[in-house]
Protein backbone atom coordinates (compact mmCIF):
# COMPACT_ATOMS: atom_id res chain seq x y z
CA UNK A 1 0.00 0.00 0.00
CA UNK A 2 1.30 3.45 -0.94
CA UNK A 3 2.28 5.52 2.10
CA UNK A 4 0.14 8.61 2.52
CA UNK A 5 1.82 11.96 1.96
CA UNK A 6 0.97 14.33 4.80
CA UNK A 7 2.42 17.86 4.78
CA UNK A 8 2.41 20.27 7.69
CA UNK A 9 2.99 23.98 7.03
CA UNK A 10 4.36 25.81 10.03
CA UNK A 11 4.17 29.48 11.00
CA UNK A 12 4.66 31.52 14.18
CA UNK A 13 1.11 31.94 15.52
CA UNK A 14 -0.21 30.58 18.85
CA UNK A 15 -1.17 27.21 17.36
CA UNK A 16 2.42 26.48 16.30
CA UNK A 17 2.89 24.40 19.44
CA UNK A 18 0.33 21.89 18.10
CA UNK A 19 2.46 20.99 15.07
CA UNK A 20 3.59 17.34 14.74
CA UNK A 21 7.26 18.29 14.71
CA UNK A 22 8.42 14.97 16.16
CA UNK A 23 6.14 12.78 14.04
CA UNK A 24 8.15 11.26 11.15
CA UNK A 25 4.97 10.46 9.20
CA UNK A 26 4.60 14.17 8.39
CA UNK A 27 6.67 16.13 5.86
CA UNK A 28 7.24 19.44 7.60
CA UNK A 29 7.59 22.76 5.76
CA UNK A 30 8.80 25.87 7.55
CA UNK A 31 10.92 29.00 7.60
CA UNK A 32 14.67 29.23 8.26
CA UNK A 33 14.22 32.01 10.83
CA UNK A 34 11.85 29.87 12.91
CA UNK A 35 13.35 28.59 16.18
CA UNK A 36 12.13 25.12 15.19
CA UNK A 37 13.84 25.11 11.77
CA UNK A 38 15.97 22.07 12.61
CA UNK A 39 12.82 19.93 12.77
CA UNK A 40 11.59 21.00 9.32
CA UNK A 41 12.26 18.87 6.24
CA UNK A 42 11.76 21.63 3.66
CA UNK A 43 12.55 25.30 4.25
CA UNK A 44 11.68 28.40 2.25
CA UNK A 45 13.44 31.76 2.12
CA UNK A 46 11.55 33.60 -0.58
CA UNK A 47 12.68 37.18 -0.01
CA UNK A 48 14.71 39.04 -2.60
CA UNK A 49 18.43 38.27 -2.35
CA UNK A 50 19.30 41.96 -1.90
CA UNK A 51 17.02 42.14 1.13
CA UNK A 52 18.66 39.11 2.70
CA UNK A 53 22.10 40.67 2.36
CA UNK A 54 21.20 43.69 4.50
CA UNK A 55 23.78 44.03 7.24
CA UNK A 56 21.38 44.10 10.18
CA UNK A 57 17.97 42.51 10.82
CA UNK A 58 14.95 44.54 11.91
CA UNK A 59 14.78 44.67 15.70
CA UNK A 60 11.32 43.79 17.00
CA UNK A 61 11.80 43.85 20.78
CA UNK A 62 14.56 44.30 23.34
CA UNK A 63 14.04 43.03 26.88
CA UNK A 64 16.17 43.40 30.01
CA UNK A 65 16.16 39.94 31.64
CA UNK A 66 17.75 41.07 34.89
CA UNK A 67 21.22 40.12 33.75
CA UNK A 68 21.39 40.98 30.06
CA UNK A 69 19.50 42.57 27.18
CA UNK A 70 17.70 39.96 25.09
CA UNK A 71 17.03 41.04 21.52
CA UNK A 72 14.41 39.55 19.24
CA UNK A 73 14.71 40.37 15.54
CA UNK A 74 12.84 39.55 12.35
CA UNK A 75 15.62 37.14 11.54
CA UNK A 76 18.70 35.95 13.44
CA UNK A 77 22.03 37.72 13.42
CA UNK A 78 24.42 36.28 10.80
CA UNK A 79 21.33 35.04 8.94
CA UNK A 80 23.10 34.92 5.56
CA UNK A 81 25.71 32.55 7.03
CA UNK A 82 22.96 30.45 8.62
CA UNK A 83 21.32 30.05 5.20
CA UNK A 84 24.58 28.96 3.61
CA UNK A 85 25.23 26.42 6.35
CA UNK A 86 21.67 25.15 6.06
CA UNK A 87 21.97 24.66 2.32
CA UNK A 88 24.82 22.22 2.93
CA UNK A 89 22.63 20.01 5.16
CA UNK A 90 21.83 16.96 3.01
CA UNK A 91 18.87 16.02 5.23
CA UNK A 92 16.93 19.16 4.30
CA UNK A 93 15.82 21.12 1.25
CA UNK A 94 16.13 24.89 1.07
CA UNK A 95 14.11 26.71 -1.60
CA UNK A 96 14.84 30.29 -2.62
CA UNK A 97 13.90 32.52 -5.56
CA UNK A 98 16.85 31.07 -7.45
CA UNK A 99 19.68 28.58 -6.91
CA UNK A 100 22.01 31.29 -5.65
CA UNK A 101 24.74 28.81 -4.70
CA UNK A 102 25.28 25.07 -4.46
CA UNK A 103 22.80 23.32 -2.20
CA UNK A 104 20.01 25.84 -2.74
CA UNK A 105 17.00 24.80 -4.82
CA UNK A 106 15.27 27.27 -7.14
CA UNK A 107 11.55 27.49 -6.37
CA UNK A 108 9.73 25.42 -9.05
CA UNK A 109 7.50 28.22 -10.32
CA UNK A 110 6.47 26.53 -13.55
CA UNK A 111 5.25 23.36 -11.84
CA UNK A 112 3.58 25.20 -8.97
CA UNK A 113 1.79 27.82 -11.10
CA UNK A 114 0.50 25.07 -13.39
CA UNK A 115 -0.99 23.35 -10.35
CA UNK A 116 -2.36 26.51 -8.69
CA UNK A 117 -1.82 29.99 -10.18
CA UNK A 118 0.65 32.88 -10.04
CA UNK A 119 -0.67 34.19 -6.73
CA UNK A 120 1.91 34.53 -3.96
CA UNK A 121 1.38 37.03 -1.16
CA UNK A 122 3.51 35.60 1.66
CA UNK A 123 6.06 32.94 2.52
CA UNK A 124 3.19 30.72 3.66
CA UNK A 125 1.54 30.89 0.23
CA UNK A 126 4.78 29.77 -1.42
CA UNK A 127 4.76 26.75 0.87
CA UNK A 128 1.05 26.03 0.47
CA UNK A 129 1.12 26.32 -3.33
CA UNK A 130 4.15 24.02 -3.51
CA UNK A 131 2.46 21.53 -1.20
CA UNK A 132 -0.66 21.45 -3.40
CA UNK A 133 1.50 20.78 -6.47
CA UNK A 134 2.78 17.62 -4.74
CA UNK A 135 -0.79 16.21 -4.63
CA UNK A 136 -0.60 15.06 -1.00
CA UNK A 137 -3.32 13.24 0.89
CA UNK A 138 -3.43 15.85 3.65
CA UNK A 139 -2.20 19.37 4.36
CA UNK A 140 -2.25 20.80 7.89
CA UNK A 141 -1.44 24.39 8.89
CA UNK A 142 -0.06 25.23 12.34
CA UNK A 143 0.84 28.69 13.56
CA UNK A 144 -0.92 30.19 10.53
CA UNK A 145 -3.82 31.60 12.52
CA UNK A 146 -4.47 34.96 10.77
CA UNK A 147 -6.84 36.31 13.40
CA UNK A 148 -8.92 39.35 12.38
CA UNK A 149 -7.29 42.77 12.83
CA UNK A 150 -3.83 41.26 13.28
CA UNK A 151 -0.81 42.32 11.24
CA UNK A 152 -0.90 39.38 8.83
CA UNK A 153 -4.68 39.34 8.24
CA UNK A 154 -4.18 40.69 4.69
CA UNK A 155 -2.74 37.28 3.72
CA UNK A 156 -5.93 35.43 4.58
CA UNK A 157 -7.76 35.75 1.24
CA UNK A 158 -4.89 34.19 -0.72
CA UNK A 159 -4.41 31.35 1.76
CA UNK A 160 -8.14 30.56 1.89
CA UNK A 161 -8.29 30.54 -1.90
CA UNK A 162 -5.49 27.96 -1.96
CA UNK A 163 -7.14 25.89 0.77
CA UNK A 164 -10.38 25.82 -1.22
CA UNK A 165 -8.45 24.79 -4.31
CA UNK A 166 -6.81 21.98 -2.36
CA UNK A 167 -10.12 20.72 -0.94
CA UNK A 168 -11.62 20.78 -4.44
CA UNK A 169 -8.88 18.38 -5.50
CA UNK A 170 -9.66 15.95 -2.72
CA UNK A 171 -6.83 16.98 -0.40
CA UNK A 172 -7.83 16.77 3.25
CA UNK A 173 -7.26 20.10 5.04
CA UNK A 174 -6.56 20.11 8.79
CA UNK A 175 -6.68 23.33 10.83
CA UNK A 176 -6.28 23.72 14.60
CA UNK A 177 -9.15 25.10 16.65
CA UNK A 178 -7.32 28.38 17.32
CA UNK A 179 -6.93 29.28 13.64
CA UNK A 180 -9.29 31.79 11.99
CA UNK A 181 -8.88 30.16 8.58
CA UNK A 182 -12.06 28.80 6.96
CA UNK A 183 -14.09 29.90 9.97
CA UNK A 184 -16.85 32.50 10.22
CA UNK A 185 -15.64 35.73 11.83
CA UNK A 186 -18.22 37.82 13.63
CA UNK A 187 -17.99 41.47 12.60
CA UNK A 188 -20.50 44.33 12.57
CA UNK A 189 -22.08 44.62 9.11
CA UNK A 190 -24.41 47.22 7.68
CA UNK A 191 -28.01 46.15 7.14
CA UNK A 192 -29.95 49.07 5.70
CA UNK A 193 -29.49 51.97 8.14
CA UNK A 194 -28.09 49.94 11.07
CA UNK A 195 -25.01 47.90 11.96
CA UNK A 196 -25.62 44.44 13.39
CA UNK A 197 -23.31 41.61 14.32
CA UNK A 198 -24.07 38.01 13.40
CA UNK A 199 -22.81 34.99 15.33
CA UNK A 200 -21.65 31.66 13.94
CA UNK A 201 -22.93 32.37 10.41
CA UNK A 202 -24.29 35.27 8.39
CA UNK A 203 -27.94 35.95 9.15
CA UNK A 204 -28.01 34.40 12.64
CA UNK A 205 -28.04 36.91 15.50
CA UNK A 206 -27.44 34.41 18.30
CA UNK A 207 -28.22 34.77 22.01
CA UNK A 208 -25.79 37.60 22.80
CA UNK A 209 -27.52 40.89 23.54
CA UNK A 210 -26.51 43.73 21.24
CA UNK A 211 -27.57 47.28 20.50
CA UNK A 212 -28.12 48.07 16.84
CA UNK A 213 -26.08 51.13 15.86
CA UNK A 214 -27.75 53.37 13.31
CA UNK A 215 -25.60 54.45 10.37
CA UNK A 216 -25.60 58.16 9.60
C-alpha atoms as a PDB file:
ATOM      1  CA  UNK A   1       0.000   0.000   0.000  1.00  0.00           C
ATOM      2  CA  UNK A   2       1.304   3.447  -0.944  1.00  0.00           C
ATOM      3  CA  UNK A   3       2.284   5.520   2.096  1.00  0.00           C
ATOM      4  CA  UNK A   4       0.140   8.613   2.518  1.00  0.00           C
ATOM      5  CA  UNK A   5       1.824  11.963   1.960  1.00  0.00           C
ATOM      6  CA  UNK A   6       0.966  14.335   4.804  1.00  0.00           C
ATOM      7  CA  UNK A   7       2.419  17.855   4.778  1.00  0.00           C
ATOM      8  CA  UNK A   8       2.405  20.270   7.694  1.00  0.00           C
ATOM      9  CA  UNK A   9       2.987  23.976   7.028  1.00  0.00           C
ATOM     10  CA  UNK A  10       4.360  25.814  10.031  1.00  0.00           C
ATOM     11  CA  UNK A  11       4.170  29.476  11.002  1.00  0.00           C
ATOM     12  CA  UNK A  12       4.658  31.519  14.178  1.00  0.00           C
ATOM     13  CA  UNK A  13       1.110  31.940  15.525  1.00  0.00           C
ATOM     14  CA  UNK A  14      -0.207  30.584  18.846  1.00  0.00           C
ATOM     15  CA  UNK A  15      -1.175  27.206  17.356  1.00  0.00           C
ATOM     16  CA  UNK A  16       2.417  26.483  16.297  1.00  0.00           C
ATOM     17  CA  UNK A  17       2.887  24.395  19.441  1.00  0.00           C
ATOM     18  CA  UNK A  18       0.330  21.886  18.100  1.00  0.00           C
ATOM     19  CA  UNK A  19       2.457  20.990  15.067  1.00  0.00           C
ATOM     20  CA  UNK A  20       3.587  17.338  14.743  1.00  0.00           C
ATOM     21  CA  UNK A  21       7.259  18.292  14.710  1.00  0.00           C
ATOM     22  CA  UNK A  22       8.416  14.973  16.157  1.00  0.00           C
ATOM     23  CA  UNK A  23       6.142  12.779  14.038  1.00  0.00           C
ATOM     24  CA  UNK A  24       8.147  11.261  11.151  1.00  0.00           C
ATOM     25  CA  UNK A  25       4.970  10.458   9.204  1.00  0.00           C
ATOM     26  CA  UNK A  26       4.599  14.171   8.393  1.00  0.00           C
ATOM     27  CA  UNK A  27       6.674  16.134   5.864  1.00  0.00           C
ATOM     28  CA  UNK A  28       7.243  19.441   7.603  1.00  0.00           C
ATOM     29  CA  UNK A  29       7.592  22.764   5.759  1.00  0.00           C
ATOM     30  CA  UNK A  30       8.797  25.874   7.550  1.00  0.00           C
ATOM     31  CA  UNK A  31      10.925  29.002   7.596  1.00  0.00           C
ATOM     32  CA  UNK A  32      14.672  29.232   8.257  1.00  0.00           C
ATOM     33  CA  UNK A  33      14.221  32.008  10.834  1.00  0.00           C
ATOM     34  CA  UNK A  34      11.852  29.870  12.911  1.00  0.00           C
ATOM     35  CA  UNK A  35      13.349  28.594  16.179  1.00  0.00           C
ATOM     36  CA  UNK A  36      12.125  25.119  15.185  1.00  0.00           C
ATOM     37  CA  UNK A  37      13.838  25.109  11.765  1.00  0.00           C
ATOM     38  CA  UNK A  38      15.969  22.074  12.615  1.00  0.00           C
ATOM     39  CA  UNK A  39      12.816  19.930  12.769  1.00  0.00           C
ATOM     40  CA  UNK A  40      11.594  21.002   9.315  1.00  0.00           C
ATOM     41  CA  UNK A  41      12.263  18.872   6.243  1.00  0.00           C
ATOM     42  CA  UNK A  42      11.761  21.625   3.660  1.00  0.00           C
ATOM     43  CA  UNK A  43      12.552  25.299   4.252  1.00  0.00           C
ATOM     44  CA  UNK A  44      11.677  28.400   2.246  1.00  0.00           C
ATOM     45  CA  UNK A  45      13.441  31.763   2.122  1.00  0.00           C
ATOM     46  CA  UNK A  46      11.546  33.598  -0.578  1.00  0.00           C
ATOM     47  CA  UNK A  47      12.675  37.178  -0.007  1.00  0.00           C
ATOM     48  CA  UNK A  48      14.707  39.037  -2.601  1.00  0.00           C
ATOM     49  CA  UNK A  49      18.427  38.270  -2.346  1.00  0.00           C
ATOM     50  CA  UNK A  50      19.305  41.958  -1.899  1.00  0.00           C
ATOM     51  CA  UNK A  51      17.016  42.137   1.130  1.00  0.00           C
ATOM     52  CA  UNK A  52      18.665  39.105   2.700  1.00  0.00           C
ATOM     53  CA  UNK A  53      22.104  40.674   2.361  1.00  0.00           C
ATOM     54  CA  UNK A  54      21.198  43.687   4.496  1.00  0.00           C
ATOM     55  CA  UNK A  55      23.782  44.034   7.235  1.00  0.00           C
ATOM     56  CA  UNK A  56      21.377  44.096  10.184  1.00  0.00           C
ATOM     57  CA  UNK A  57      17.974  42.514  10.824  1.00  0.00           C
ATOM     58  CA  UNK A  58      14.954  44.538  11.906  1.00  0.00           C
ATOM     59  CA  UNK A  59      14.782  44.668  15.701  1.00  0.00           C
ATOM     60  CA  UNK A  60      11.320  43.790  17.001  1.00  0.00           C
ATOM     61  CA  UNK A  61      11.796  43.850  20.785  1.00  0.00           C
ATOM     62  CA  UNK A  62      14.561  44.295  23.338  1.00  0.00           C
ATOM     63  CA  UNK A  63      14.038  43.025  26.882  1.00  0.00           C
ATOM     64  CA  UNK A  64      16.168  43.398  30.005  1.00  0.00           C
ATOM     65  CA  UNK A  65      16.157  39.943  31.635  1.00  0.00           C
ATOM     66  CA  UNK A  66      17.747  41.074  34.887  1.00  0.00           C
ATOM     67  CA  UNK A  67      21.220  40.117  33.750  1.00  0.00           C
ATOM     68  CA  UNK A  68      21.388  40.977  30.059  1.00  0.00           C
ATOM     69  CA  UNK A  69      19.498  42.570  27.181  1.00  0.00           C
ATOM     70  CA  UNK A  70      17.702  39.957  25.093  1.00  0.00           C
ATOM     71  CA  UNK A  71      17.025  41.042  21.515  1.00  0.00           C
ATOM     72  CA  UNK A  72      14.406  39.546  19.235  1.00  0.00           C
ATOM     73  CA  UNK A  73      14.708  40.367  15.544  1.00  0.00           C
ATOM     74  CA  UNK A  74      12.837  39.551  12.354  1.00  0.00           C
ATOM     75  CA  UNK A  75      15.616  37.135  11.540  1.00  0.00           C
ATOM     76  CA  UNK A  76      18.703  35.952  13.443  1.00  0.00           C
ATOM     77  CA  UNK A  77      22.027  37.723  13.417  1.00  0.00           C
ATOM     78  CA  UNK A  78      24.418  36.284  10.798  1.00  0.00           C
ATOM     79  CA  UNK A  79      21.333  35.044   8.936  1.00  0.00           C
ATOM     80  CA  UNK A  80      23.102  34.917   5.563  1.00  0.00           C
ATOM     81  CA  UNK A  81      25.708  32.547   7.033  1.00  0.00           C
ATOM     82  CA  UNK A  82      22.956  30.445   8.619  1.00  0.00           C
ATOM     83  CA  UNK A  83      21.317  30.047   5.204  1.00  0.00           C
ATOM     84  CA  UNK A  84      24.581  28.960   3.612  1.00  0.00           C
ATOM     85  CA  UNK A  85      25.226  26.417   6.351  1.00  0.00           C
ATOM     86  CA  UNK A  86      21.671  25.147   6.057  1.00  0.00           C
ATOM     87  CA  UNK A  87      21.974  24.655   2.320  1.00  0.00           C
ATOM     88  CA  UNK A  88      24.817  22.216   2.926  1.00  0.00           C
ATOM     89  CA  UNK A  89      22.633  20.012   5.159  1.00  0.00           C
ATOM     90  CA  UNK A  90      21.827  16.965   3.011  1.00  0.00           C
ATOM     91  CA  UNK A  91      18.872  16.017   5.226  1.00  0.00           C
ATOM     92  CA  UNK A  92      16.931  19.158   4.304  1.00  0.00           C
ATOM     93  CA  UNK A  93      15.822  21.116   1.248  1.00  0.00           C
ATOM     94  CA  UNK A  94      16.130  24.895   1.068  1.00  0.00           C
ATOM     95  CA  UNK A  95      14.114  26.713  -1.597  1.00  0.00           C
ATOM     96  CA  UNK A  96      14.836  30.291  -2.624  1.00  0.00           C
ATOM     97  CA  UNK A  97      13.901  32.519  -5.560  1.00  0.00           C
ATOM     98  CA  UNK A  98      16.848  31.075  -7.447  1.00  0.00           C
ATOM     99  CA  UNK A  99      19.676  28.582  -6.905  1.00  0.00           C
ATOM    100  CA  UNK A 100      22.013  31.290  -5.653  1.00  0.00           C
ATOM    101  CA  UNK A 101      24.737  28.811  -4.700  1.00  0.00           C
ATOM    102  CA  UNK A 102      25.282  25.069  -4.459  1.00  0.00           C
ATOM    103  CA  UNK A 103      22.798  23.319  -2.202  1.00  0.00           C
ATOM    104  CA  UNK A 104      20.007  25.845  -2.744  1.00  0.00           C
ATOM    105  CA  UNK A 105      16.998  24.801  -4.823  1.00  0.00           C
ATOM    106  CA  UNK A 106      15.269  27.265  -7.142  1.00  0.00           C
ATOM    107  CA  UNK A 107      11.553  27.494  -6.372  1.00  0.00           C
ATOM    108  CA  UNK A 108       9.729  25.421  -9.048  1.00  0.00           C
ATOM    109  CA  UNK A 109       7.499  28.223 -10.317  1.00  0.00           C
ATOM    110  CA  UNK A 110       6.468  26.534 -13.552  1.00  0.00           C
ATOM    111  CA  UNK A 111       5.248  23.356 -11.843  1.00  0.00           C
ATOM    112  CA  UNK A 112       3.581  25.205  -8.966  1.00  0.00           C
ATOM    113  CA  UNK A 113       1.794  27.815 -11.101  1.00  0.00           C
ATOM    114  CA  UNK A 114       0.501  25.074 -13.390  1.00  0.00           C
ATOM    115  CA  UNK A 115      -0.990  23.346 -10.351  1.00  0.00           C
ATOM    116  CA  UNK A 116      -2.358  26.511  -8.685  1.00  0.00           C
ATOM    117  CA  UNK A 117      -1.825  29.993 -10.179  1.00  0.00           C
ATOM    118  CA  UNK A 118       0.645  32.882 -10.042  1.00  0.00           C
ATOM    119  CA  UNK A 119      -0.673  34.187  -6.729  1.00  0.00           C
ATOM    120  CA  UNK A 120       1.914  34.528  -3.965  1.00  0.00           C
ATOM    121  CA  UNK A 121       1.383  37.034  -1.163  1.00  0.00           C
ATOM    122  CA  UNK A 122       3.514  35.601   1.664  1.00  0.00           C
ATOM    123  CA  UNK A 123       6.061  32.940   2.523  1.00  0.00           C
ATOM    124  CA  UNK A 124       3.186  30.724   3.662  1.00  0.00           C
ATOM    125  CA  UNK A 125       1.542  30.890   0.233  1.00  0.00           C
ATOM    126  CA  UNK A 126       4.785  29.773  -1.419  1.00  0.00           C
ATOM    127  CA  UNK A 127       4.762  26.745   0.872  1.00  0.00           C
ATOM    128  CA  UNK A 128       1.052  26.026   0.472  1.00  0.00           C
ATOM    129  CA  UNK A 129       1.125  26.325  -3.325  1.00  0.00           C
ATOM    130  CA  UNK A 130       4.154  24.024  -3.506  1.00  0.00           C
ATOM    131  CA  UNK A 131       2.462  21.526  -1.196  1.00  0.00           C
ATOM    132  CA  UNK A 132      -0.656  21.450  -3.403  1.00  0.00           C
ATOM    133  CA  UNK A 133       1.495  20.784  -6.471  1.00  0.00           C
ATOM    134  CA  UNK A 134       2.782  17.624  -4.744  1.00  0.00           C
ATOM    135  CA  UNK A 135      -0.790  16.215  -4.628  1.00  0.00           C
ATOM    136  CA  UNK A 136      -0.602  15.062  -1.004  1.00  0.00           C
ATOM    137  CA  UNK A 137      -3.316  13.239   0.893  1.00  0.00           C
ATOM    138  CA  UNK A 138      -3.433  15.853   3.652  1.00  0.00           C
ATOM    139  CA  UNK A 139      -2.197  19.371   4.362  1.00  0.00           C
ATOM    140  CA  UNK A 140      -2.249  20.802   7.889  1.00  0.00           C
ATOM    141  CA  UNK A 141      -1.443  24.395   8.886  1.00  0.00           C
ATOM    142  CA  UNK A 142      -0.061  25.226  12.335  1.00  0.00           C
ATOM    143  CA  UNK A 143       0.845  28.688  13.563  1.00  0.00           C
ATOM    144  CA  UNK A 144      -0.916  30.194  10.532  1.00  0.00           C
ATOM    145  CA  UNK A 145      -3.821  31.604  12.518  1.00  0.00           C
ATOM    146  CA  UNK A 146      -4.475  34.957  10.774  1.00  0.00           C
ATOM    147  CA  UNK A 147      -6.839  36.309  13.395  1.00  0.00           C
ATOM    148  CA  UNK A 148      -8.925  39.355  12.385  1.00  0.00           C
ATOM    149  CA  UNK A 149      -7.290  42.772  12.826  1.00  0.00           C
ATOM    150  CA  UNK A 150      -3.833  41.257  13.277  1.00  0.00           C
ATOM    151  CA  UNK A 151      -0.809  42.319  11.242  1.00  0.00           C
ATOM    152  CA  UNK A 152      -0.905  39.379   8.833  1.00  0.00           C
ATOM    153  CA  UNK A 153      -4.680  39.337   8.243  1.00  0.00           C
ATOM    154  CA  UNK A 154      -4.179  40.693   4.693  1.00  0.00           C
ATOM    155  CA  UNK A 155      -2.741  37.281   3.720  1.00  0.00           C
ATOM    156  CA  UNK A 156      -5.931  35.434   4.580  1.00  0.00           C
ATOM    157  CA  UNK A 157      -7.755  35.753   1.239  1.00  0.00           C
ATOM    158  CA  UNK A 158      -4.890  34.189  -0.720  1.00  0.00           C
ATOM    159  CA  UNK A 159      -4.410  31.349   1.760  1.00  0.00           C
ATOM    160  CA  UNK A 160      -8.135  30.564   1.890  1.00  0.00           C
ATOM    161  CA  UNK A 161      -8.292  30.538  -1.900  1.00  0.00           C
ATOM    162  CA  UNK A 162      -5.493  27.956  -1.961  1.00  0.00           C
ATOM    163  CA  UNK A 163      -7.145  25.887   0.768  1.00  0.00           C
ATOM    164  CA  UNK A 164     -10.379  25.823  -1.222  1.00  0.00           C
ATOM    165  CA  UNK A 165      -8.450  24.794  -4.311  1.00  0.00           C
ATOM    166  CA  UNK A 166      -6.814  21.977  -2.356  1.00  0.00           C
ATOM    167  CA  UNK A 167     -10.117  20.716  -0.944  1.00  0.00           C
ATOM    168  CA  UNK A 168     -11.617  20.780  -4.436  1.00  0.00           C
ATOM    169  CA  UNK A 169      -8.883  18.383  -5.497  1.00  0.00           C
ATOM    170  CA  UNK A 170      -9.663  15.950  -2.723  1.00  0.00           C
ATOM    171  CA  UNK A 171      -6.828  16.980  -0.399  1.00  0.00           C
ATOM    172  CA  UNK A 172      -7.828  16.773   3.252  1.00  0.00           C
ATOM    173  CA  UNK A 173      -7.255  20.103   5.040  1.00  0.00           C
ATOM    174  CA  UNK A 174      -6.561  20.114   8.787  1.00  0.00           C
ATOM    175  CA  UNK A 175      -6.675  23.333  10.829  1.00  0.00           C
ATOM    176  CA  UNK A 176      -6.279  23.715  14.598  1.00  0.00           C
ATOM    177  CA  UNK A 177      -9.148  25.104  16.647  1.00  0.00           C
ATOM    178  CA  UNK A 178      -7.320  28.384  17.320  1.00  0.00           C
ATOM    179  CA  UNK A 179      -6.933  29.281  13.642  1.00  0.00           C
ATOM    180  CA  UNK A 180      -9.288  31.793  11.986  1.00  0.00           C
ATOM    181  CA  UNK A 181      -8.876  30.158   8.577  1.00  0.00           C
ATOM    182  CA  UNK A 182     -12.061  28.801   6.958  1.00  0.00           C
ATOM    183  CA  UNK A 183     -14.093  29.901   9.968  1.00  0.00           C
ATOM    184  CA  UNK A 184     -16.851  32.499  10.224  1.00  0.00           C
ATOM    185  CA  UNK A 185     -15.643  35.728  11.827  1.00  0.00           C
ATOM    186  CA  UNK A 186     -18.218  37.823  13.633  1.00  0.00           C
ATOM    187  CA  UNK A 187     -17.990  41.474  12.598  1.00  0.00           C
ATOM    188  CA  UNK A 188     -20.505  44.326  12.565  1.00  0.00           C
ATOM    189  CA  UNK A 189     -22.079  44.619   9.109  1.00  0.00           C
ATOM    190  CA  UNK A 190     -24.407  47.217   7.683  1.00  0.00           C
ATOM    191  CA  UNK A 191     -28.013  46.149   7.141  1.00  0.00           C
ATOM    192  CA  UNK A 192     -29.949  49.065   5.704  1.00  0.00           C
ATOM    193  CA  UNK A 193     -29.492  51.970   8.143  1.00  0.00           C
ATOM    194  CA  UNK A 194     -28.090  49.937  11.066  1.00  0.00           C
ATOM    195  CA  UNK A 195     -25.014  47.901  11.964  1.00  0.00           C
ATOM    196  CA  UNK A 196     -25.623  44.439  13.389  1.00  0.00           C
ATOM    197  CA  UNK A 197     -23.313  41.614  14.321  1.00  0.00           C
ATOM    198  CA  UNK A 198     -24.069  38.012  13.402  1.00  0.00           C
ATOM    199  CA  UNK A 199     -22.810  34.988  15.332  1.00  0.00           C
ATOM    200  CA  UNK A 200     -21.647  31.658  13.937  1.00  0.00           C
ATOM    201  CA  UNK A 201     -22.930  32.373  10.407  1.00  0.00           C
ATOM    202  CA  UNK A 202     -24.285  35.268   8.395  1.00  0.00           C
ATOM    203  CA  UNK A 203     -27.937  35.952   9.146  1.00  0.00           C
ATOM    204  CA  UNK A 204     -28.008  34.401  12.636  1.00  0.00           C
ATOM    205  CA  UNK A 205     -28.043  36.905  15.500  1.00  0.00           C
ATOM    206  CA  UNK A 206     -27.441  34.414  18.304  1.00  0.00           C
ATOM    207  CA  UNK A 207     -28.223  34.767  22.006  1.00  0.00           C
ATOM    208  CA  UNK A 208     -25.793  37.596  22.796  1.00  0.00           C
ATOM    209  CA  UNK A 209     -27.519  40.892  23.535  1.00  0.00           C
ATOM    210  CA  UNK A 210     -26.510  43.727  21.237  1.00  0.00           C
ATOM    211  CA  UNK A 211     -27.569  47.278  20.497  1.00  0.00           C
ATOM    212  CA  UNK A 212     -28.124  48.072  16.836  1.00  0.00           C
ATOM    213  CA  UNK A 213     -26.076  51.127  15.862  1.00  0.00           C
ATOM    214  CA  UNK A 214     -27.753  53.367  13.311  1.00  0.00           C
ATOM    215  CA  UNK A 215     -25.595  54.455  10.366  1.00  0.00           C
ATOM    216  CA  UNK A 216     -25.598  58.164   9.598  1.00  0.00           C
END
